[in-house]
PDB file of all heavy atoms in Angstrom:
ATOM      1  N   MET A   1      13.489   0.910 -12.918  1.00  0.00           N
ATOM      2  CA  MET A   1      13.470  -0.174 -11.946  1.00  0.00           C
ATOM      3  C   MET A   1      12.063  -0.397 -11.399  1.00  0.00           C
ATOM      4  O   MET A   1      11.406   0.535 -10.939  1.00  0.00           O
ATOM      5  CB  MET A   1      14.418   0.128 -10.783  1.00  0.00           C
ATOM      6  CG  MET A   1      15.878   0.122 -11.141  1.00  0.00           C
ATOM      7  SD  MET A   1      16.906   0.388  -9.670  1.00  0.00           S
ATOM      8  CE  MET A   1      18.526   0.558 -10.439  1.00  0.00           C
ATOM      9  N   GLU A   2      11.622  -1.631 -11.403  1.00  0.00           N
ATOM     10  CA  GLU A   2      10.303  -1.979 -10.881  1.00  0.00           C
ATOM     11  C   GLU A   2      10.183  -1.656  -9.391  1.00  0.00           C
ATOM     12  O   GLU A   2       9.122  -1.256  -8.911  1.00  0.00           O
ATOM     13  CB  GLU A   2      10.018  -3.455 -11.128  1.00  0.00           C
ATOM     14  CG  GLU A   2       8.590  -3.856 -10.789  1.00  0.00           C
ATOM     15  CD  GLU A   2       8.234  -5.240 -11.261  1.00  0.00           C
ATOM     16  OE1 GLU A   2       9.096  -5.901 -11.907  1.00  0.00           O
ATOM     17  OE2 GLU A   2       7.090  -5.671 -11.013  1.00  0.00           O
ATOM     18  N   GLU A   3      11.279  -1.826  -8.637  1.00  0.00           N
ATOM     19  CA  GLU A   3      11.250  -1.590  -7.192  1.00  0.00           C
ATOM     20  C   GLU A   3      10.872  -0.148  -6.860  1.00  0.00           C
ATOM     21  O   GLU A   3      10.187   0.131  -5.871  1.00  0.00           O
ATOM     22  CB  GLU A   3      12.606  -1.921  -6.565  1.00  0.00           C
ATOM     23  CG  GLU A   3      13.002  -3.385  -6.635  1.00  0.00           C
ATOM     24  CD  GLU A   3      13.782  -3.744  -7.889  1.00  0.00           C
ATOM     25  OE1 GLU A   3      13.741  -2.954  -8.872  1.00  0.00           O
ATOM     26  OE2 GLU A   3      14.426  -4.804  -7.885  1.00  0.00           O
ATOM     27  N   HIS A   4      11.313   0.772  -7.694  1.00  0.00           N
ATOM     28  CA  HIS A   4      11.000   2.189  -7.495  1.00  0.00           C
ATOM     29  C   HIS A   4       9.493   2.413  -7.518  1.00  0.00           C
ATOM     30  O   HIS A   4       8.932   3.112  -6.662  1.00  0.00           O
ATOM     31  CB  HIS A   4      11.703   3.010  -8.587  1.00  0.00           C
ATOM     32  CG  HIS A   4      11.094   4.351  -8.832  1.00  0.00           C
ATOM     33  ND1 HIS A   4      10.453   4.671 -10.012  1.00  0.00           N
ATOM     34  CD2 HIS A   4      11.029   5.465  -8.049  1.00  0.00           C
ATOM     35  CE1 HIS A   4      10.019   5.913  -9.956  1.00  0.00           C
ATOM     36  NE2 HIS A   4      10.351   6.432  -8.791  1.00  0.00           N
ATOM     37  N   TYR A   5       8.820   1.819  -8.489  1.00  0.00           N
ATOM     38  CA  TYR A   5       7.367   1.995  -8.611  1.00  0.00           C
ATOM     39  C   TYR A   5       6.615   1.235  -7.517  1.00  0.00           C
ATOM     40  O   TYR A   5       5.535   1.647  -7.095  1.00  0.00           O
ATOM     41  CB  TYR A   5       6.910   1.567 -10.002  1.00  0.00           C
ATOM     42  CG  TYR A   5       7.485   2.476 -11.063  1.00  0.00           C
ATOM     43  CD1 TYR A   5       8.696   2.159 -11.677  1.00  0.00           C
ATOM     44  CD2 TYR A   5       6.871   3.670 -11.395  1.00  0.00           C
ATOM     45  CE1 TYR A   5       9.259   3.004 -12.619  1.00  0.00           C
ATOM     46  CE2 TYR A   5       7.426   4.528 -12.336  1.00  0.00           C
ATOM     47  CZ  TYR A   5       8.621   4.191 -12.936  1.00  0.00           C
ATOM     48  OH  TYR A   5       9.173   5.048 -13.857  1.00  0.00           O
ATOM     49  N   ARG A   6       7.188   0.144  -7.050  1.00  0.00           N
ATOM     50  CA  ARG A   6       6.592  -0.595  -5.947  1.00  0.00           C
ATOM     51  C   ARG A   6       6.497   0.297  -4.702  1.00  0.00           C
ATOM     52  O   ARG A   6       5.482   0.294  -3.987  1.00  0.00           O
ATOM     53  CB  ARG A   6       7.434  -1.840  -5.658  1.00  0.00           C
ATOM     54  CG  ARG A   6       6.773  -2.882  -4.787  1.00  0.00           C
ATOM     55  CD  ARG A   6       7.656  -4.112  -4.698  1.00  0.00           C
ATOM     56  NE  ARG A   6       6.975  -5.223  -4.064  1.00  0.00           N
ATOM     57  CZ  ARG A   6       7.542  -6.417  -3.865  1.00  0.00           C
ATOM     58  NH1 ARG A   6       8.785  -6.621  -4.275  1.00  0.00           N
ATOM     59  NH2 ARG A   6       6.849  -7.376  -3.270  1.00  0.00           N
ATOM     60  N   ILE A   7       7.550   1.062  -4.455  1.00  0.00           N
ATOM     61  CA  ILE A   7       7.568   1.978  -3.317  1.00  0.00           C
ATOM     62  C   ILE A   7       6.552   3.100  -3.501  1.00  0.00           C
ATOM     63  O   ILE A   7       5.785   3.427  -2.591  1.00  0.00           O
ATOM     64  CB  ILE A   7       8.989   2.552  -3.119  1.00  0.00           C
ATOM     65  CG1 ILE A   7       9.918   1.458  -2.597  1.00  0.00           C
ATOM     66  CG2 ILE A   7       8.967   3.740  -2.151  1.00  0.00           C
ATOM     67  CD1 ILE A   7      11.381   1.856  -2.594  1.00  0.00           C
ATOM     68  N   LEU A   8       6.530   3.710  -4.683  1.00  0.00           N
ATOM     69  CA  LEU A   8       5.588   4.805  -4.927  1.00  0.00           C
ATOM     70  C   LEU A   8       4.147   4.334  -4.802  1.00  0.00           C
ATOM     71  O   LEU A   8       3.301   5.059  -4.262  1.00  0.00           O
ATOM     72  CB  LEU A   8       5.820   5.413  -6.315  1.00  0.00           C
ATOM     73  CG  LEU A   8       7.145   6.137  -6.561  1.00  0.00           C
ATOM     74  CD1 LEU A   8       7.057   6.985  -7.833  1.00  0.00           C
ATOM     75  CD2 LEU A   8       7.548   7.029  -5.390  1.00  0.00           C
ATOM     76  N   LYS A   9       3.853   3.136  -5.277  1.00  0.00           N
ATOM     77  CA  LYS A   9       2.495   2.605  -5.168  1.00  0.00           C
ATOM     78  C   LYS A   9       2.117   2.361  -3.706  1.00  0.00           C
ATOM     79  O   LYS A   9       0.974   2.590  -3.311  1.00  0.00           O
ATOM     80  CB  LYS A   9       2.376   1.304  -5.976  1.00  0.00           C
ATOM     81  CG  LYS A   9       2.339   1.524  -7.487  1.00  0.00           C
ATOM     82  CD  LYS A   9       2.208   0.201  -8.221  1.00  0.00           C
ATOM     83  CE  LYS A   9       2.115   0.404  -9.729  1.00  0.00           C
ATOM     84  NZ  LYS A   9       2.014  -0.892 -10.446  1.00  0.00           N
ATOM     85  N   GLU A  10       3.083   1.894  -2.914  1.00  0.00           N
ATOM     86  CA  GLU A  10       2.814   1.667  -1.488  1.00  0.00           C
ATOM     87  C   GLU A  10       2.550   2.992  -0.780  1.00  0.00           C
ATOM     88  O   GLU A  10       1.643   3.098   0.048  1.00  0.00           O
ATOM     89  CB  GLU A  10       3.990   0.937  -0.837  1.00  0.00           C
ATOM     90  CG  GLU A  10       3.772   0.550   0.623  1.00  0.00           C
ATOM     91  CD  GLU A  10       2.700  -0.514   0.814  1.00  0.00           C
ATOM     92  OE1 GLU A  10       2.466  -1.313  -0.121  1.00  0.00           O
ATOM     93  OE2 GLU A  10       2.094  -0.542   1.922  1.00  0.00           O
ATOM     94  N   LEU A  11       3.337   4.005  -1.087  1.00  0.00           N
ATOM     95  CA  LEU A  11       3.115   5.326  -0.512  1.00  0.00           C
ATOM     96  C   LEU A  11       1.762   5.887  -0.933  1.00  0.00           C
ATOM     97  O   LEU A  11       1.040   6.491  -0.128  1.00  0.00           O
ATOM     98  CB  LEU A  11       4.227   6.283  -0.942  1.00  0.00           C
ATOM     99  CG  LEU A  11       5.627   6.013  -0.380  1.00  0.00           C
ATOM    100  CD1 LEU A  11       6.657   6.912  -1.063  1.00  0.00           C
ATOM    101  CD2 LEU A  11       5.669   6.233   1.132  1.00  0.00           C
ATOM    102  N   ASP A  12       1.417   5.661  -2.180  1.00  0.00           N
ATOM    103  CA  ASP A  12       0.130   6.114  -2.701  1.00  0.00           C
ATOM    104  C   ASP A  12      -1.016   5.407  -1.984  1.00  0.00           C
ATOM    105  O   ASP A  12      -2.003   6.029  -1.577  1.00  0.00           O
ATOM    106  CB  ASP A  12       0.074   5.859  -4.211  1.00  0.00           C
ATOM    107  CG  ASP A  12      -1.159   6.477  -4.871  1.00  0.00           C
ATOM    108  OD1 ASP A  12      -1.735   7.431  -4.297  1.00  0.00           O
ATOM    109  OD2 ASP A  12      -1.528   6.007  -5.979  1.00  0.00           O
ATOM    110  N   LYS A  13      -0.897   4.118  -1.796  1.00  0.00           N
ATOM    111  CA  LYS A  13      -1.927   3.326  -1.119  1.00  0.00           C
ATOM    112  C   LYS A  13      -2.158   3.825   0.302  1.00  0.00           C
ATOM    113  O   LYS A  13      -3.283   3.907   0.774  1.00  0.00           O
ATOM    114  CB  LYS A  13      -1.518   1.847  -1.104  1.00  0.00           C
ATOM    115  CG  LYS A  13      -2.567   0.930  -0.498  1.00  0.00           C
ATOM    116  CD  LYS A  13      -2.151  -0.529  -0.589  1.00  0.00           C
ATOM    117  CE  LYS A  13      -1.201  -0.876   0.507  1.00  0.00           C
ATOM    118  NZ  LYS A  13      -0.874  -2.359   0.532  1.00  0.00           N
ATOM    119  N   ARG A  14      -1.063   4.189   0.979  1.00  0.00           N
ATOM    120  CA  ARG A  14      -1.146   4.667   2.354  1.00  0.00           C
ATOM    121  C   ARG A  14      -1.401   6.178   2.441  1.00  0.00           C
ATOM    122  O   ARG A  14      -1.490   6.720   3.548  1.00  0.00           O
ATOM    123  CB  ARG A  14       0.150   4.344   3.100  1.00  0.00           C
ATOM    124  CG  ARG A  14       0.484   2.866   3.196  1.00  0.00           C
ATOM    125  CD  ARG A  14       1.782   2.646   3.946  1.00  0.00           C
ATOM    126  NE  ARG A  14       2.170   1.251   3.983  1.00  0.00           N
ATOM    127  CZ  ARG A  14       2.699   0.653   5.064  1.00  0.00           C
ATOM    128  NH1 ARG A  14       2.873   1.343   6.183  1.00  0.00           N
ATOM    129  NH2 ARG A  14       3.039  -0.628   5.017  1.00  0.00           N
ATOM    130  N   LYS A  15      -1.464   6.830   1.257  1.00  0.00           N
ATOM    131  CA  LYS A  15      -1.654   8.283   1.173  1.00  0.00           C
ATOM    132  C   LYS A  15      -0.568   9.047   1.941  1.00  0.00           C
ATOM    133  O   LYS A  15      -0.829  10.064   2.592  1.00  0.00           O
ATOM    134  CB  LYS A  15      -3.055   8.683   1.651  1.00  0.00           C
ATOM    135  CG  LYS A  15      -4.178   8.038   0.843  1.00  0.00           C
ATOM    136  CD  LYS A  15      -5.523   8.613   1.139  1.00  0.00           C
ATOM    137  CE  LYS A  15      -6.635   7.910   0.399  1.00  0.00           C
ATOM    138  NZ  LYS A  15      -6.403   7.816  -1.098  1.00  0.00           N
ATOM    139  N   MET A  16       0.649   8.548   1.856  1.00  0.00           N
ATOM    140  CA  MET A  16       1.782   9.174   2.515  1.00  0.00           C
ATOM    141  C   MET A  16       2.455  10.163   1.560  1.00  0.00           C
ATOM    142  O   MET A  16       3.624  10.039   1.210  1.00  0.00           O
ATOM    143  CB  MET A  16       2.774   8.111   2.999  1.00  0.00           C
ATOM    144  CG  MET A  16       2.222   7.218   4.093  1.00  0.00           C
ATOM    145  SD  MET A  16       3.342   5.861   4.581  1.00  0.00           S
ATOM    146  CE  MET A  16       4.739   6.790   5.269  1.00  0.00           C
ATOM    147  N   TYR A  17       1.700  11.152   1.170  1.00  0.00           N
ATOM    148  CA  TYR A  17       2.185  12.109   0.169  1.00  0.00           C
ATOM    149  C   TYR A  17       3.147  13.140   0.756  1.00  0.00           C
ATOM    150  O   TYR A  17       3.747  13.921   0.015  1.00  0.00           O
ATOM    151  CB  TYR A  17       0.997  12.800  -0.501  1.00  0.00           C
ATOM    152  CG  TYR A  17       0.034  11.836  -1.154  1.00  0.00           C
ATOM    153  CD1 TYR A  17      -1.311  11.814  -0.786  1.00  0.00           C
ATOM    154  CD2 TYR A  17       0.481  10.941  -2.116  1.00  0.00           C
ATOM    155  CE1 TYR A  17      -2.188  10.917  -1.381  1.00  0.00           C
ATOM    156  CE2 TYR A  17      -0.397  10.047  -2.715  1.00  0.00           C
ATOM    157  CZ  TYR A  17      -1.727  10.037  -2.344  1.00  0.00           C
ATOM    158  OH  TYR A  17      -2.597   9.150  -2.933  1.00  0.00           O
ATOM    159  N   HIS A  18       3.280  13.130   2.090  1.00  0.00           N
ATOM    160  CA  HIS A  18       4.216  14.045   2.743  1.00  0.00           C
ATOM    161  C   HIS A  18       5.654  13.570   2.630  1.00  0.00           C
ATOM    162  O   HIS A  18       6.583  14.373   2.854  1.00  0.00           O
ATOM    163  CB  HIS A  18       3.869  14.179   4.233  1.00  0.00           C
ATOM    164  CG  HIS A  18       4.027  12.886   4.986  1.00  0.00           C
ATOM    165  ND1 HIS A  18       3.086  11.889   4.937  1.00  0.00           N
ATOM    166  CD2 HIS A  18       5.040  12.411   5.789  1.00  0.00           C
ATOM    167  CE1 HIS A  18       3.483  10.866   5.673  1.00  0.00           C
ATOM    168  NE2 HIS A  18       4.675  11.161   6.196  1.00  0.00           N
ATOM    169  N   VAL A  19       5.849  12.313   2.319  1.00  0.00           N
ATOM    170  CA  VAL A  19       7.197  11.762   2.222  1.00  0.00           C
ATOM    171  C   VAL A  19       7.953  12.438   1.074  1.00  0.00           C
ATOM    172  O   VAL A  19       7.451  12.561  -0.036  1.00  0.00           O
ATOM    173  CB  VAL A  19       7.160  10.234   2.015  1.00  0.00           C
ATOM    174  CG1 VAL A  19       8.565   9.692   1.744  1.00  0.00           C
ATOM    175  CG2 VAL A  19       6.551   9.561   3.242  1.00  0.00           C
ATOM    176  N   ARG A  20       9.150  12.866   1.367  1.00  0.00           N
ATOM    177  CA  ARG A  20       9.961  13.558   0.373  1.00  0.00           C
ATOM    178  C   ARG A  20      10.627  12.551  -0.569  1.00  0.00           C
ATOM    179  O   ARG A  20      11.214  11.561  -0.124  1.00  0.00           O
ATOM    180  CB  ARG A  20      11.030  14.407   1.071  1.00  0.00           C
ATOM    181  CG  ARG A  20      11.788  15.341   0.128  1.00  0.00           C
ATOM    182  CD  ARG A  20      12.804  16.155   0.934  1.00  0.00           C
ATOM    183  NE  ARG A  20      13.410  17.178   0.092  1.00  0.00           N
ATOM    184  CZ  ARG A  20      14.514  17.841   0.432  1.00  0.00           C
ATOM    185  NH1 ARG A  20      15.111  17.582   1.596  1.00  0.00           N
ATOM    186  NH2 ARG A  20      15.005  18.767  -0.381  1.00  0.00           N
ATOM    187  N   LEU A  21      10.525  12.791  -1.865  1.00  0.00           N
ATOM    188  CA  LEU A  21      11.137  11.938  -2.876  1.00  0.00           C
ATOM    189  C   LEU A  21      12.271  12.698  -3.553  1.00  0.00           C
ATOM    190  O   LEU A  21      12.078  13.803  -4.044  1.00  0.00           O
ATOM    191  CB  LEU A  21      10.113  11.517  -3.933  1.00  0.00           C
ATOM    192  CG  LEU A  21       8.794  10.911  -3.436  1.00  0.00           C
ATOM    193  CD1 LEU A  21       7.896  10.589  -4.628  1.00  0.00           C
ATOM    194  CD2 LEU A  21       9.041   9.670  -2.592  1.00  0.00           C
ATOM    195  N   ILE A  22      13.448  12.118  -3.552  1.00  0.00           N
ATOM    196  CA  ILE A  22      14.606  12.732  -4.187  1.00  0.00           C
ATOM    197  C   ILE A  22      15.193  11.743  -5.195  1.00  0.00           C
ATOM    198  O   ILE A  22      15.305  10.548  -4.908  1.00  0.00           O
ATOM    199  CB  ILE A  22      15.676  13.141  -3.159  1.00  0.00           C
ATOM    200  CG1 ILE A  22      15.083  14.121  -2.157  1.00  0.00           C
ATOM    201  CG2 ILE A  22      16.883  13.776  -3.836  1.00  0.00           C
ATOM    202  CD1 ILE A  22      16.044  14.569  -1.093  1.00  0.00           C
ATOM    203  N   TYR A  23      15.562  12.264  -6.348  1.00  0.00           N
ATOM    204  CA  TYR A  23      16.041  11.409  -7.434  1.00  0.00           C
ATOM    205  C   TYR A  23      17.409  11.838  -7.940  1.00  0.00           C
ATOM    206  O   TYR A  23      17.716  13.032  -8.029  1.00  0.00           O
ATOM    207  CB  TYR A  23      15.077  11.463  -8.629  1.00  0.00           C
ATOM    208  CG  TYR A  23      13.765  10.771  -8.391  1.00  0.00           C
ATOM    209  CD1 TYR A  23      12.744  11.396  -7.687  1.00  0.00           C
ATOM    210  CD2 TYR A  23      13.538   9.484  -8.863  1.00  0.00           C
ATOM    211  CE1 TYR A  23      11.539  10.767  -7.452  1.00  0.00           C
ATOM    212  CE2 TYR A  23      12.331   8.845  -8.647  1.00  0.00           C
ATOM    213  CZ  TYR A  23      11.336   9.486  -7.937  1.00  0.00           C
ATOM    214  OH  TYR A  23      10.139   8.845  -7.719  1.00  0.00           O
ATOM    215  N   ASN A  24      18.177  10.843  -8.281  1.00  0.00           N
ATOM    216  CA  ASN A  24      19.348  11.034  -9.117  1.00  0.00           C
ATOM    217  C   ASN A  24      19.110  10.164 -10.351  1.00  0.00           C
ATOM    218  O   ASN A  24      19.133   8.943 -10.273  1.00  0.00           O
ATOM    219  CB  ASN A  24      20.627  10.616  -8.394  1.00  0.00           C
ATOM    220  CG  ASN A  24      21.859  10.905  -9.220  1.00  0.00           C
ATOM    221  OD1 ASN A  24      22.080  10.313 -10.265  1.00  0.00           O
ATOM    222  ND2 ASN A  24      22.683  11.803  -8.755  1.00  0.00           N
ATOM    223  N   THR A  25      18.845  10.799 -11.467  1.00  0.00           N
ATOM    224  CA  THR A  25      18.435  10.097 -12.669  1.00  0.00           C
ATOM    225  C   THR A  25      19.169  10.635 -13.884  1.00  0.00           C
ATOM    226  O   THR A  25      19.541  11.815 -13.932  1.00  0.00           O
ATOM    227  CB  THR A  25      16.914  10.242 -12.895  1.00  0.00           C
ATOM    228  OG1 THR A  25      16.567   9.754 -14.199  1.00  0.00           O
ATOM    229  CG2 THR A  25      16.455  11.688 -12.789  1.00  0.00           C
ATOM    230  N   ASN A  26      19.388   9.767 -14.880  1.00  0.00           N
ATOM    231  CA  ASN A  26      19.986  10.257 -16.126  1.00  0.00           C
ATOM    232  C   ASN A  26      18.971  10.993 -16.989  1.00  0.00           C
ATOM    233  O   ASN A  26      19.331  11.551 -18.024  1.00  0.00           O
ATOM    234  CB  ASN A  26      20.677   9.130 -16.905  1.00  0.00           C
ATOM    235  CG  ASN A  26      19.743   8.001 -17.314  1.00  0.00           C
ATOM    236  OD1 ASN A  26      18.597   8.207 -17.691  1.00  0.00           O
ATOM    237  ND2 ASN A  26      20.261   6.765 -17.265  1.00  0.00           N
ATOM    238  N   PHE A  27      17.715  10.968 -16.589  1.00  0.00           N
ATOM    239  CA  PHE A  27      16.637  11.738 -17.184  1.00  0.00           C
ATOM    240  C   PHE A  27      16.347  11.345 -18.635  1.00  0.00           C
ATOM    241  O   PHE A  27      15.816  12.115 -19.410  1.00  0.00           O
ATOM    242  CB  PHE A  27      16.923  13.243 -17.098  1.00  0.00           C
ATOM    243  CG  PHE A  27      15.691  14.108 -17.098  1.00  0.00           C
ATOM    244  CD1 PHE A  27      14.708  13.935 -16.127  1.00  0.00           C
ATOM    245  CD2 PHE A  27      15.516  15.106 -18.031  1.00  0.00           C
ATOM    246  CE1 PHE A  27      13.560  14.730 -16.126  1.00  0.00           C
ATOM    247  CE2 PHE A  27      14.378  15.902 -18.049  1.00  0.00           C
ATOM    248  CZ  PHE A  27      13.398  15.718 -17.094  1.00  0.00           C
ATOM    249  N   SER A  28      16.667  10.110 -18.972  1.00  0.00           N
ATOM    250  CA  SER A  28      16.402   9.630 -20.331  1.00  0.00           C
ATOM    251  C   SER A  28      15.019   9.014 -20.468  1.00  0.00           C
ATOM    252  O   SER A  28      14.455   8.963 -21.564  1.00  0.00           O
ATOM    253  CB  SER A  28      17.460   8.607 -20.744  1.00  0.00           C
ATOM    254  OG  SER A  28      17.389   7.444 -19.915  1.00  0.00           O
ATOM    255  N   LYS A  29      14.458   8.521 -19.335  1.00  0.00           N
ATOM    256  CA  LYS A  29      13.161   7.860 -19.344  1.00  0.00           C
ATOM    257  C   LYS A  29      12.199   8.573 -18.401  1.00  0.00           C
ATOM    258  O   LYS A  29      12.603   9.070 -17.350  1.00  0.00           O
ATOM    259  CB  LYS A  29      13.296   6.394 -18.924  1.00  0.00           C
ATOM    260  CG  LYS A  29      14.261   5.579 -19.780  1.00  0.00           C
ATOM    261  CD  LYS A  29      13.758   5.430 -21.204  1.00  0.00           C
ATOM    262  CE  LYS A  29      14.703   4.563 -22.042  1.00  0.00           C
ATOM    263  NZ  LYS A  29      14.254   4.475 -23.452  1.00  0.00           N
ATOM    264  N   THR A  30      10.942   8.596 -18.773  1.00  0.00           N
ATOM    265  CA  THR A  30       9.930   9.254 -17.945  1.00  0.00           C
ATOM    266  C   THR A  30       8.730   8.343 -17.688  1.00  0.00           C
ATOM    267  O   THR A  30       7.719   8.786 -17.155  1.00  0.00           O
ATOM    268  CB  THR A  30       9.438  10.550 -18.605  1.00  0.00           C
ATOM    269  OG1 THR A  30       8.778  10.251 -19.836  1.00  0.00           O
ATOM    270  CG2 THR A  30      10.608  11.492 -18.866  1.00  0.00           C
TER     271      THR A  30
END
């Protein structure tokens, strides 16, 4: 999903690396 990367890029831009990321994924794509 493009929206997922939009969020990560925003966090990266703001250097908010303390934010916890949790995933539920089928783990087929990386």
